[in-house]
Protein backbone atom coordinates (compact mmCIF):
# COMPACT_ATOMS: atom_id res chain seq x y z
CA MET A 1 29.73 0.88 -194.20
CA ILE A 2 26.36 0.97 -192.45
CA ILE A 3 25.54 -1.38 -189.54
CA GLU A 4 21.92 -1.42 -188.57
CA ILE A 5 20.92 -2.67 -185.06
CA ALA A 6 17.46 -4.10 -184.77
CA GLY A 7 15.90 -5.50 -181.60
CA PRO A 8 13.55 -5.01 -178.73
CA GLY A 9 13.79 -1.87 -176.55
CA PRO A 10 16.87 -1.14 -174.53
CA GLY A 11 18.71 -4.14 -175.91
CA ALA A 12 19.00 -2.45 -179.22
CA GLU A 13 20.42 0.69 -177.68
CA ALA A 14 22.94 -1.29 -175.61
CA ALA A 15 23.93 -3.21 -178.77
CA ARG A 16 24.43 0.09 -180.64
CA GLU A 17 26.66 1.44 -177.91
CA SER A 18 28.73 -1.83 -177.74
CA ILE A 19 29.24 -1.76 -181.58
CA ALA A 20 30.15 1.94 -181.41
CA ALA A 21 32.70 1.35 -178.67
CA ALA A 22 34.44 -1.31 -180.77
CA THR A 23 34.65 0.81 -183.85
CA ALA A 24 35.72 3.89 -181.86
CA SER A 25 38.67 2.02 -180.45
CA TRP A 26 39.85 1.61 -184.10
CA GLY A 27 39.70 5.29 -184.71
CA HIS A 28 36.28 5.12 -186.55
CA PRO A 29 33.64 6.69 -184.38
CA ALA A 30 30.08 5.63 -185.15
CA GLU A 31 27.40 8.05 -186.08
CA ALA A 32 23.73 7.57 -185.27
CA VAL A 33 21.53 7.74 -188.38
CA VAL A 34 17.86 8.31 -188.23
CA SER A 35 17.11 6.24 -191.38
CA ALA A 36 19.03 4.28 -193.90
CA ALA A 37 17.85 6.62 -196.66
CA THR A 38 19.78 9.55 -195.19
CA ALA A 39 23.00 7.54 -194.93
CA THR A 40 23.40 6.74 -198.73
CA GLY A 41 25.34 9.81 -199.79
CA PRO A 42 28.84 9.17 -201.11
CA ASP A 43 31.91 9.93 -198.98
CA THR A 44 34.00 11.75 -201.53
CA LYS A 45 37.45 13.11 -201.00
CA GLY A 46 39.58 14.97 -203.49
CA VAL A 47 42.73 13.25 -204.78
CA ASP A 48 45.54 14.91 -206.45
CA PRO A 49 46.59 12.76 -209.46
CA VAL A 50 50.22 14.03 -209.48
CA ALA A 51 50.61 13.19 -205.83
CA VAL A 52 49.19 9.68 -206.38
CA VAL A 53 51.61 8.98 -209.27
CA SER A 54 54.56 10.28 -207.24
CA LEU A 55 53.60 8.11 -204.38
CA LEU A 56 53.29 5.02 -206.51
CA LEU A 57 56.67 5.59 -208.09
CA SER A 58 58.42 6.19 -204.80
CA ILE A 59 57.30 3.04 -203.06
CA PRO A 60 58.91 -0.18 -204.15
CA SER A 61 56.41 -2.90 -205.06
CA ALA A 62 57.67 -5.21 -202.27
CA VAL A 63 57.00 -2.62 -199.55
CA LEU A 64 53.59 -1.97 -200.99
CA ALA A 65 52.80 -5.72 -200.93
CA VAL A 66 53.87 -5.93 -197.31
CA ALA A 67 51.67 -2.98 -196.45
CA ASP A 68 48.65 -4.56 -198.12
CA ILE A 69 49.18 -7.80 -196.29
CA THR A 70 49.58 -5.96 -193.03
CA ASP A 71 46.42 -3.91 -193.68
CA ARG A 72 44.42 -7.09 -194.55
CA ILE A 73 45.54 -8.76 -191.32
CA ARG A 74 44.59 -5.76 -189.19
CA LYS A 75 41.25 -5.46 -190.97
CA ARG A 76 40.57 -9.20 -190.68
CA ARG A 77 41.25 -9.00 -186.95
CA ARG A 78 38.90 -6.01 -186.58
CA ALA A 79 36.26 -7.73 -188.66
CA GLY A 80 36.48 -10.80 -186.40
CA GLU A 81 36.10 -8.69 -183.28
CA LEU A 82 32.94 -6.96 -184.83
CA ILE A 83 31.41 -10.34 -185.83
CA GLU A 84 32.04 -11.72 -182.43
CA ARG A 85 30.48 -8.74 -180.82
CA ALA A 86 27.49 -9.17 -183.08
CA ARG A 87 27.21 -12.88 -182.00
CA GLN A 88 27.39 -12.02 -178.36
CA LEU A 89 24.73 -9.31 -178.69
CA SER A 90 22.53 -11.64 -180.68
CA ALA A 91 22.81 -14.31 -177.88
CA GLU A 92 22.68 -12.06 -174.84
CA GLN A 93 20.16 -9.33 -175.91
CA GLN A 94 18.24 -10.90 -178.78
CA THR A 95 19.39 -8.07 -181.14
CA THR A 96 20.54 -8.31 -184.72
CA ALA A 97 23.41 -6.44 -186.21
CA ARG A 98 23.19 -6.19 -190.03
CA LEU A 99 25.50 -4.91 -192.68
CA VAL A 100 23.41 -2.74 -194.95
CA ARG A 101 24.46 -2.51 -198.53
CA ALA A 102 22.90 -0.86 -201.58
CA ASP A 103 21.68 -4.19 -202.89
CA ARG A 104 20.98 -6.24 -199.75
CA SER A 105 21.60 -6.61 -196.01
CA VAL A 106 23.47 -9.37 -194.22
CA ASP A 107 23.41 -10.54 -190.59
CA LEU A 108 26.91 -9.88 -189.25
CA ALA A 109 26.71 -12.86 -186.89
CA THR A 110 26.55 -15.32 -189.82
CA LEU A 111 29.70 -14.08 -191.60
CA THR A 112 33.38 -14.97 -191.36
CA PRO A 113 35.98 -12.16 -191.17
CA ASP A 114 36.95 -12.74 -194.77
CA GLN A 115 33.35 -12.69 -195.94
CA LEU A 116 32.74 -9.36 -194.15
CA LEU A 117 35.88 -7.89 -195.81
CA ASP A 118 34.92 -9.10 -199.20
CA LEU A 119 31.39 -7.71 -198.82
CA VAL A 120 32.68 -4.31 -197.81
CA ALA A 121 35.26 -4.36 -200.67
CA ASP A 122 32.73 -5.52 -203.26
CA GLU A 123 30.09 -2.95 -202.33
CA PRO A 124 28.87 -1.02 -205.27
CA PRO A 125 29.70 2.69 -205.19
CA ALA A 126 26.94 4.98 -203.85
CA GLY A 127 25.44 7.19 -206.38
């Protein structure tokens, strides 16, 4: 996910630091990117198909469902914090935090947590 900060002078830098602090506390440190064109490469990781099948067969479906719900609740809370931070920065420093996707960009301050999670989940794969 790419979050672009746009605004006048030092307000944009303060906004970037504020968003970076929020995401770092979740274990996802932010990276400064010079341009959106350099950040479009796919984040690929190797997956062992045998390990995936073994994992799926070893976890009962009820436990998996609970894990999915727990994950969604945690992500929804974090999305809410990120949106609230974007709203505060918009009001206090006249900066705009935008979610940049391959097909469009959206102002974070106008989204609900569920909309943000759906946008991130529905993002077309880079490539």
